[in-house]
Amino acid sequence: MNFLLKIFSLLCLCGLGYSWQDVRNADQTLWAYRSCQKNPEDKDHVPQWRKFELPDDEKTHCYVKCVWTRLGAYNENENVFKIDVITKQFNERGLEVPAGLDQELGGSTDGTCKAVYDKSMKFFKSHFMDFRNAYYATYDGSDEWFSKNPDVKPKGTKVSEYCKNKDDGDCKHSCSMYYYRLIDEDNLVIPFSNLPDYPEDKLEECRNEAKSANECKSSVIYQCLENADKSALDASLNILDEFSGRY
């Protein structure tokens, strides 16, 4: 089953979790890196981060935590790295699982950006290229994956352009809600994505409404967000759409 068919066919799942924790592809990892780089206050750091230079400072600490989280490899509720998920990523990419993975990333952290950064740097000291190869953080690896998967949104294409006329039957907004990362590939709500300038309390209410719905969650969350504050939703999606041209 190709990637978009998977997105559009799993429309009636009613679990309360989210599945943004399985093997990530190059489209999803590119979004993780870029979305963690979009804060205007971080603009001076972004050139370093894009070269995978990770200086020991507060902004970089939180960037590293953001990336692990959006790769589905760090559990913010339990403050632990998901060793099993990281292991699966390496296996599925046909790479040897780094020796000492559990020793270097295992165990709990205190949840701070600094704690996650410190653990990460111990792992990266010996396995930085292993990580980059596993999570498509090289131009060659990323470009190769996109060339083999023409059915996903191409790099640099806005969601509004790519998703035009791609809704699946009665499941409205399935394509755009996925690529704006409000809904994952299994039609489940992603808890850590945000809508810029949209009221957080209303966003959380709509997330909860979509989580409990048995029908297409992309339709439910979009309609809820629109009913709660249409002007804020339109403005927020315009911001996300402009940003989507970066991944």
C-alpha atoms as a PDB file:
ATOM      1  CA  MET A   1       0.000   0.000   0.000  1.00  0.00           C
ATOM      2  CA  ASN A   2       1.567   3.288  -0.998  1.00  0.00           C
ATOM      3  CA  PHE A   3       2.036   6.073   1.502  1.00  0.00           C
ATOM      4  CA  LEU A   4      -0.912   8.310   0.595  1.00  0.00           C
ATOM      5  CA  LEU A   5      -3.266   5.372   0.313  1.00  0.00           C
ATOM      6  CA  LYS A   6      -2.304   4.491   3.874  1.00  0.00           C
ATOM      7  CA  ILE A   7      -3.176   8.005   5.003  1.00  0.00           C
ATOM      8  CA  PHE A   8      -6.523   8.088   3.253  1.00  0.00           C
ATOM      9  CA  SER A   9      -7.686   4.547   3.919  1.00  0.00           C
ATOM     10  CA  LEU A  10      -7.304   4.414   7.700  1.00  0.00           C
ATOM     11  CA  LEU A  11     -10.139   6.840   8.347  1.00  0.00           C
ATOM     12  CA  CYS A  12     -12.170   5.274  11.135  1.00  0.00           C
ATOM     13  CA  LEU A  13      -9.617   4.475  13.795  1.00  0.00           C
ATOM     14  CA  CYS A  14     -10.892   5.548  17.190  1.00  0.00           C
ATOM     15  CA  GLY A  15      -7.870   4.965  19.441  1.00  0.00           C
ATOM     16  CA  LEU A  16      -6.973   7.767  21.797  1.00  0.00           C
ATOM     17  CA  GLY A  17      -3.233   7.585  21.210  1.00  0.00           C
ATOM     18  CA  TYR A  18      -1.229   8.667  18.208  1.00  0.00           C
ATOM     19  CA  SER A  19       1.089   6.626  16.040  1.00  0.00           C
ATOM     20  CA  TRP A  20       3.740   9.259  15.309  1.00  0.00           C
ATOM     21  CA  GLN A  21       6.211   6.841  16.807  1.00  0.00           C
ATOM     22  CA  ASP A  22       6.896   4.288  14.110  1.00  0.00           C
ATOM     23  CA  VAL A  23       9.617   4.377  11.476  1.00  0.00           C
ATOM     24  CA  ARG A  24       9.888   7.887  10.047  1.00  0.00           C
ATOM     25  CA  ASN A  25      10.370   8.544   6.352  1.00  0.00           C
ATOM     26  CA  ALA A  26      12.314  11.388   4.724  1.00  0.00           C
ATOM     27  CA  ASP A  27       9.244  13.588   4.336  1.00  0.00           C
ATOM     28  CA  GLN A  28       8.408  13.281   8.035  1.00  0.00           C
ATOM     29  CA  THR A  29      11.970  13.773   9.238  1.00  0.00           C
ATOM     30  CA  LEU A  30      12.441  16.838   7.031  1.00  0.00           C
ATOM     31  CA  TRP A  31       9.315  18.339   8.609  1.00  0.00           C
ATOM     32  CA  ALA A  32      10.701  17.555  12.077  1.00  0.00           C
ATOM     33  CA  TYR A  33      13.973  19.388  11.413  1.00  0.00           C
ATOM     34  CA  ARG A  34      12.382  22.357   9.657  1.00  0.00           C
ATOM     35  CA  SER A  35       9.537  22.803  12.139  1.00  0.00           C
ATOM     36  CA  CYS A  36      12.043  22.926  14.997  1.00  0.00           C
ATOM     37  CA  GLN A  37      13.919  25.662  13.145  1.00  0.00           C
ATOM     38  CA  LYS A  38      11.024  28.017  12.403  1.00  0.00           C
ATOM     39  CA  ASN A  39      11.009  30.211  15.516  1.00  0.00           C
ATOM     40  CA  PRO A  40      12.135  33.674  14.333  1.00  0.00           C
ATOM     41  CA  GLU A  41      14.075  34.099  17.574  1.00  0.00           C
ATOM     42  CA  ASP A  42      16.322  31.208  16.511  1.00  0.00           C
ATOM     43  CA  LYS A  43      17.254  32.601  13.090  1.00  0.00           C
ATOM     44  CA  ASP A  44      20.898  33.176  14.018  1.00  0.00           C
ATOM     45  CA  HIS A  45      21.241  29.521  15.038  1.00  0.00           C
ATOM     46  CA  VAL A  46      19.528  27.944  12.044  1.00  0.00           C
ATOM     47  CA  PRO A  47      22.555  28.047   9.688  1.00  0.00           C
ATOM     48  CA  GLN A  48      24.517  26.072  12.276  1.00  0.00           C
ATOM     49  CA  TRP A  49      21.704  23.617  12.910  1.00  0.00           C
ATOM     50  CA  ARG A  50      21.295  22.937   9.205  1.00  0.00           C
ATOM     51  CA  LYS A  51      24.946  21.944   9.131  1.00  0.00           C
ATOM     52  CA  PHE A  52      24.296  19.806  12.225  1.00  0.00           C
ATOM     53  CA  GLU A  53      26.506  21.969  14.373  1.00  0.00           C
ATOM     54  CA  LEU A  54      25.015  21.831  17.869  1.00  0.00           C
ATOM     55  CA  PRO A  55      26.685  24.307  20.244  1.00  0.00           C
ATOM     56  CA  ASP A  56      26.150  24.008  23.982  1.00  0.00           C
ATOM     57  CA  ASP A  57      23.645  26.824  24.506  1.00  0.00           C
ATOM     58  CA  GLU A  58      20.032  27.134  25.610  1.00  0.00           C
ATOM     59  CA  LYS A  59      18.444  27.508  22.179  1.00  0.00           C
ATOM     60  CA  THR A  60      20.299  24.500  20.817  1.00  0.00           C
ATOM     61  CA  HIS A  61      19.389  22.412  23.861  1.00  0.00           C
ATOM     62  CA  CYS A  62      15.695  22.943  23.105  1.00  0.00           C
ATOM     63  CA  TYR A  63      16.209  22.448  19.380  1.00  0.00           C
ATOM     64  CA  VAL A  64      17.677  18.998  20.012  1.00  0.00           C
ATOM     65  CA  LYS A  65      14.785  18.059  22.300  1.00  0.00           C
ATOM     66  CA  CYS A  66      12.298  19.339  19.722  1.00  0.00           C
ATOM     67  CA  VAL A  67      13.850  17.235  16.962  1.00  0.00           C
ATOM     68  CA  TRP A  68      13.847  14.007  18.976  1.00  0.00           C
ATOM     69  CA  THR A  69      10.216  14.643  19.961  1.00  0.00           C
ATOM     70  CA  ARG A  70       9.050  15.356  16.436  1.00  0.00           C
ATOM     71  CA  LEU A  71      10.908  12.326  15.164  1.00  0.00           C
ATOM     72  CA  GLY A  72       8.715  10.325  17.538  1.00  0.00           C
ATOM     73  CA  ALA A  73      11.807   9.176  19.447  1.00  0.00           C
ATOM     74  CA  TYR A  74      11.410  11.035  22.753  1.00  0.00           C
ATOM     75  CA  ASN A  75       8.450  10.692  25.112  1.00  0.00           C
ATOM     76  CA  GLU A  76       7.748  14.067  26.733  1.00  0.00           C
ATOM     77  CA  ASN A  77       5.222  12.593  29.152  1.00  0.00           C
ATOM     78  CA  GLU A  78       7.657  10.062  30.596  1.00  0.00           C
ATOM     79  CA  ASN A  79      10.858  12.056  29.888  1.00  0.00           C
ATOM     80  CA  VAL A  80      12.581   9.107  28.212  1.00  0.00           C
ATOM     81  CA  PHE A  81      14.055   8.285  24.838  1.00  0.00           C
ATOM     82  CA  LYS A  82      12.124   5.570  23.007  1.00  0.00           C
ATOM     83  CA  ILE A  83      14.920   3.068  22.617  1.00  0.00           C
ATOM     84  CA  ASP A  84      12.680   0.537  20.894  1.00  0.00           C
ATOM     85  CA  VAL A  85      11.543   3.102  18.329  1.00  0.00           C
ATOM     86  CA  ILE A  86      15.096   4.271  17.624  1.00  0.00           C
ATOM     87  CA  THR A  87      16.193   0.648  17.263  1.00  0.00           C
ATOM     88  CA  LYS A  88      13.404  -0.004  14.787  1.00  0.00           C
ATOM     89  CA  GLN A  89      14.385   3.056  12.753  1.00  0.00           C
ATOM     90  CA  PHE A  90      17.922   1.731  12.358  1.00  0.00           C
ATOM     91  CA  ASN A  91      16.700  -1.771  11.523  1.00  0.00           C
ATOM     92  CA  GLU A  92      14.204  -0.590   8.930  1.00  0.00           C
ATOM     93  CA  ARG A  93      16.880   1.543   7.286  1.00  0.00           C
ATOM     94  CA  GLY A  94      19.139  -1.502   7.034  1.00  0.00           C
ATOM     95  CA  LEU A  95      21.668  -0.019   9.442  1.00  0.00           C
ATOM     96  CA  GLU A  96      23.462  -1.604  12.355  1.00  0.00           C
ATOM     97  CA  VAL A  97      22.008  -0.517  15.677  1.00  0.00           C
ATOM     98  CA  PRO A  98      24.745   1.452  17.464  1.00  0.00           C
ATOM     99  CA  ALA A  99      26.445  -0.387  20.272  1.00  0.00           C
ATOM    100  CA  GLY A 100      25.655   1.196  23.606  1.00  0.00           C
ATOM    101  CA  LEU A 101      22.411   2.794  22.417  1.00  0.00           C
ATOM    102  CA  ASP A 102      20.558   1.811  25.564  1.00  0.00           C
ATOM    103  CA  GLN A 103      23.427   2.804  27.835  1.00  0.00           C
ATOM    104  CA  GLU A 104      23.829   6.228  26.235  1.00  0.00           C
ATOM    105  CA  LEU A 105      20.188   7.194  25.700  1.00  0.00           C
ATOM    106  CA  GLY A 106      18.412   4.859  28.107  1.00  0.00           C
ATOM    107  CA  GLY A 107      16.999   5.819  31.482  1.00  0.00           C
ATOM    108  CA  SER A 108      14.912   8.827  32.379  1.00  0.00           C
ATOM    109  CA  THR A 109      15.820  12.504  32.103  1.00  0.00           C
ATOM    110  CA  ASP A 110      14.438  15.367  34.176  1.00  0.00           C
ATOM    111  CA  GLY A 111      12.605  16.555  31.077  1.00  0.00           C
ATOM    112  CA  THR A 112      14.632  19.732  30.593  1.00  0.00           C
ATOM    113  CA  CYS A 113      16.107  20.677  27.241  1.00  0.00           C
ATOM    114  CA  LYS A 114      19.580  20.574  28.792  1.00  0.00           C
ATOM    115  CA  ALA A 115      19.155  17.014  30.061  1.00  0.00           C
ATOM    116  CA  VAL A 116      18.009  15.786  26.658  1.00  0.00           C
ATOM    117  CA  TYR A 117      20.867  17.639  24.957  1.00  0.00           C
ATOM    118  CA  ASP A 118      23.474  16.184  27.306  1.00  0.00           C
ATOM    119  CA  LYS A 119      22.312  12.619  26.719  1.00  0.00           C
ATOM    120  CA  SER A 120      22.150  13.256  22.987  1.00  0.00           C
ATOM    121  CA  MET A 121      25.673  14.597  22.786  1.00  0.00           C
ATOM    122  CA  LYS A 122      27.049  11.509  24.507  1.00  0.00           C
ATOM    123  CA  PHE A 123      25.347   9.430  21.818  1.00  0.00           C
ATOM    124  CA  PHE A 124      26.301  11.764  18.971  1.00  0.00           C
ATOM    125  CA  LYS A 125      29.957  11.746  20.009  1.00  0.00           C
ATOM    126  CA  SER A 126      30.309   8.257  18.563  1.00  0.00           C
ATOM    127  CA  HIS A 127      27.202   7.866  16.398  1.00  0.00           C
ATOM    128  CA  PHE A 128      26.333  11.201  14.831  1.00  0.00           C
ATOM    129  CA  MET A 129      26.554   9.977  11.227  1.00  0.00           C
ATOM    130  CA  ASP A 130      24.704   6.826  12.203  1.00  0.00           C
ATOM    131  CA  PHE A 131      21.869   9.023  13.471  1.00  0.00           C
ATOM    132  CA  ARG A 132      21.916  11.191  10.361  1.00  0.00           C
ATOM    133  CA  ASN A 133      21.783   8.183   8.056  1.00  0.00           C
ATOM    134  CA  ALA A 134      18.985   6.553  10.045  1.00  0.00           C
ATOM    135  CA  TYR A 135      16.840   9.700  10.072  1.00  0.00           C
ATOM    136  CA  TYR A 136      17.492  10.933   6.515  1.00  0.00           C
ATOM    137  CA  ALA A 137      19.580  13.859   7.727  1.00  0.00           C
ATOM    138  CA  THR A 138      21.840  13.831   4.674  1.00  0.00           C
ATOM    139  CA  TYR A 139      21.007  15.390   1.324  1.00  0.00           C
ATOM    140  CA  ASP A 140      21.781  12.183  -0.558  1.00  0.00           C
ATOM    141  CA  GLY A 141      19.655   9.974   1.664  1.00  0.00           C
ATOM    142  CA  SER A 142      16.737  12.384   1.675  1.00  0.00           C
ATOM    143  CA  ASP A 143      16.821  13.060  -2.066  1.00  0.00           C
ATOM    144  CA  GLU A 144      17.019   9.348  -2.844  1.00  0.00           C
ATOM    145  CA  TRP A 145      13.927   8.633  -0.747  1.00  0.00           C
ATOM    146  CA  PHE A 146      11.909  11.428  -2.380  1.00  0.00           C
ATOM    147  CA  SER A 147      12.908  10.251  -5.850  1.00  0.00           C
ATOM    148  CA  LYS A 148      11.581   6.784  -5.034  1.00  0.00           C
ATOM    149  CA  ASN A 149       8.334   8.107  -3.523  1.00  0.00           C
ATOM    150  CA  PRO A 150       6.738  10.503  -6.012  1.00  0.00           C
ATOM    151  CA  ASP A 151       3.313  10.077  -4.378  1.00  0.00           C
ATOM    152  CA  VAL A 152       4.193  12.306  -1.393  1.00  0.00           C
ATOM    153  CA  LYS A 153       4.363  16.095  -1.253  1.00  0.00           C
ATOM    154  CA  PRO A 154       7.546  17.107  -3.087  1.00  0.00           C
ATOM    155  CA  LYS A 155      10.121  19.193  -1.271  1.00  0.00           C
ATOM    156  CA  GLY A 156       9.406  22.893  -1.534  1.00  0.00           C
ATOM    157  CA  THR A 157       5.755  22.450  -2.530  1.00  0.00           C
ATOM    158  CA  LYS A 158       3.130  24.190  -0.436  1.00  0.00           C
ATOM    159  CA  VAL A 159       0.423  22.060   1.153  1.00  0.00           C
ATOM    160  CA  SER A 160      -2.331  24.136  -0.467  1.00  0.00           C
ATOM    161  CA  GLU A 161      -0.895  23.376  -3.891  1.00  0.00           C
ATOM    162  CA  TYR A 162      -0.188  19.700  -3.299  1.00  0.00           C
ATOM    163  CA  CYS A 163      -3.454  18.873  -1.526  1.00  0.00           C
ATOM    164  CA  LYS A 164      -5.759  20.600  -3.998  1.00  0.00           C
ATOM    165  CA  ASN A 165      -8.484  18.105  -4.968  1.00  0.00           C
ATOM    166  CA  LYS A 166      -6.881  15.352  -2.878  1.00  0.00           C
ATOM    167  CA  ASP A 167      -9.538  14.950  -0.159  1.00  0.00           C
ATOM    168  CA  ASP A 168     -10.750  11.400   0.194  1.00  0.00           C
ATOM    169  CA  GLY A 169     -14.529  11.111  -0.159  1.00  0.00           C
ATOM    170  CA  ASP A 170     -16.301  12.207   3.000  1.00  0.00           C
ATOM    171  CA  CYS A 171     -13.009  12.634   4.871  1.00  0.00           C
ATOM    172  CA  LYS A 172     -12.514  16.317   4.222  1.00  0.00           C
ATOM    173  CA  HIS A 173      -9.147  17.998   4.755  1.00  0.00           C
ATOM    174  CA  SER A 174      -7.401  14.626   5.133  1.00  0.00           C
ATOM    175  CA  CYS A 175      -4.440  15.673   3.009  1.00  0.00           C
ATOM    176  CA  SER A 176      -3.926  19.164   4.430  1.00  0.00           C
ATOM    177  CA  MET A 177      -4.440  18.180   8.077  1.00  0.00           C
ATOM    178  CA  TYR A 178      -1.833  15.457   7.598  1.00  0.00           C
ATOM    179  CA  TYR A 179       0.765  17.693   5.972  1.00  0.00           C
ATOM    180  CA  TYR A 180       0.151  20.484   8.471  1.00  0.00           C
ATOM    181  CA  ARG A 181       0.842  17.678  10.997  1.00  0.00           C
ATOM    182  CA  LEU A 182      -2.358  17.990  13.006  1.00  0.00           C
ATOM    183  CA  ILE A 183      -3.294  14.393  12.126  1.00  0.00           C
ATOM    184  CA  ASP A 184      -0.829  11.564  11.638  1.00  0.00           C
ATOM    185  CA  GLU A 185      -0.666   8.919   8.914  1.00  0.00           C
ATOM    186  CA  ASP A 186      -3.074   6.685  10.835  1.00  0.00           C
ATOM    187  CA  ASN A 187      -5.735   9.408  11.165  1.00  0.00           C
ATOM    188  CA  LEU A 188      -4.891  10.029  14.816  1.00  0.00           C
ATOM    189  CA  VAL A 189      -4.397  13.404  16.482  1.00  0.00           C
ATOM    190  CA  ILE A 190      -0.778  14.562  16.925  1.00  0.00           C
ATOM    191  CA  PRO A 191      -0.560  16.189  20.377  1.00  0.00           C
ATOM    192  CA  PHE A 192       2.588  18.284  19.945  1.00  0.00           C
ATOM    193  CA  SER A 193       1.800  20.176  16.745  1.00  0.00           C
ATOM    194  CA  ASN A 194       0.603  23.724  17.022  1.00  0.00           C
ATOM    195  CA  LEU A 195      -1.394  26.339  15.169  1.00  0.00           C
ATOM    196  CA  PRO A 196       0.426  29.675  15.281  1.00  0.00           C
ATOM    197  CA  ASP A 197      -1.631  32.432  16.892  1.00  0.00           C
ATOM    198  CA  TYR A 198      -4.652  30.160  17.306  1.00  0.00           C
ATOM    199  CA  PRO A 199      -6.068  30.128  20.879  1.00  0.00           C
ATOM    200  CA  GLU A 200      -4.390  27.211  22.660  1.00  0.00           C
ATOM    201  CA  ASP A 201      -7.421  26.379  24.806  1.00  0.00           C
ATOM    202  CA  LYS A 202      -9.652  26.063  21.740  1.00  0.00           C
ATOM    203  CA  LEU A 203      -7.030  23.994  19.928  1.00  0.00           C
ATOM    204  CA  GLU A 204      -6.862  21.592  22.872  1.00  0.00           C
ATOM    205  CA  GLU A 205     -10.659  21.331  22.986  1.00  0.00           C
ATOM    206  CA  CYS A 206     -10.737  20.465  19.303  1.00  0.00           C
ATOM    207  CA  ARG A 207      -7.934  17.941  19.686  1.00  0.00           C
ATOM    208  CA  ASN A 208      -9.940  16.219  22.417  1.00  0.00           C
ATOM    209  CA  GLU A 209     -13.107  16.278  20.324  1.00  0.00           C
ATOM    210  CA  ALA A 210     -11.278  14.708  17.387  1.00  0.00           C
ATOM    211  CA  LYS A 211      -9.615  12.091  19.600  1.00  0.00           C
ATOM    212  CA  SER A 212     -12.981  10.847  20.827  1.00  0.00           C
ATOM    213  CA  ALA A 213     -14.620  10.840  17.387  1.00  0.00           C
ATOM    214  CA  ASN A 214     -15.154   7.562  15.574  1.00  0.00           C
ATOM    215  CA  GLU A 215     -15.342   9.180  12.158  1.00  0.00           C
ATOM    216  CA  CYS A 216     -12.670  10.918  10.085  1.00  0.00           C
ATOM    217  CA  LYS A 217     -10.638  12.923  12.567  1.00  0.00           C
ATOM    218  CA  SER A 218      -9.313  15.405  10.012  1.00  0.00           C
ATOM    219  CA  SER A 219     -12.884  16.471   9.238  1.00  0.00           C
ATOM    220  CA  VAL A 220     -13.766  16.682  12.916  1.00  0.00           C
ATOM    221  CA  ILE A 221     -10.766  18.737  13.993  1.00  0.00           C
ATOM    222  CA  TYR A 222     -11.032  21.119  11.052  1.00  0.00           C
ATOM    223  CA  GLN A 223     -14.739  21.743  11.589  1.00  0.00           C
ATOM    224  CA  CYS A 224     -14.236  22.218  15.317  1.00  0.00           C
ATOM    225  CA  LEU A 225     -11.391  24.691  14.787  1.00  0.00           C
ATOM    226  CA  GLU A 226     -13.390  26.594  12.199  1.00  0.00           C
ATOM    227  CA  ASN A 227     -16.493  26.772  14.391  1.00  0.00           C
ATOM    228  CA  ALA A 228     -14.457  27.937  17.380  1.00  0.00           C
ATOM    229  CA  ASP A 229     -12.576  30.744  15.602  1.00  0.00           C
ATOM    230  CA  LYS A 230     -12.689  30.815  11.811  1.00  0.00           C
ATOM    231  CA  SER A 231     -10.630  33.975  11.346  1.00  0.00           C
ATOM    232  CA  ALA A 232      -7.862  32.678  13.610  1.00  0.00           C
ATOM    233  CA  LEU A 233      -7.879  29.317  11.814  1.00  0.00           C
ATOM    234  CA  ASP A 234      -7.635  30.928   8.385  1.00  0.00           C
ATOM    235  CA  ALA A 235      -4.742  33.112   9.520  1.00  0.00           C
ATOM    236  CA  SER A 236      -2.962  30.186  11.169  1.00  0.00           C
ATOM    237  CA  LEU A 237      -3.300  27.896   8.162  1.00  0.00           C
ATOM    238  CA  ASN A 238      -1.973  30.654   5.924  1.00  0.00           C
ATOM    239  CA  ILE A 239       1.132  30.832   8.129  1.00  0.00           C
ATOM    240  CA  LEU A 240       1.544  27.050   8.067  1.00  0.00           C
ATOM    241  CA  ASP A 241       1.027  26.989   4.326  1.00  0.00           C
ATOM    242  CA  GLU A 242       3.778  29.516   3.740  1.00  0.00           C
ATOM    243  CA  PHE A 243       6.040  27.493   6.011  1.00  0.00           C
ATOM    244  CA  SER A 244       5.178  24.238   4.206  1.00  0.00           C
ATOM    245  CA  GLY A 245       7.179  25.401   1.214  1.00  0.00           C
ATOM    246  CA  ARG A 246      10.311  24.824   3.288  1.00  0.00           C
ATOM    247  CA  TYR A 247       9.846  21.053   3.621  1.00  0.00           C
END
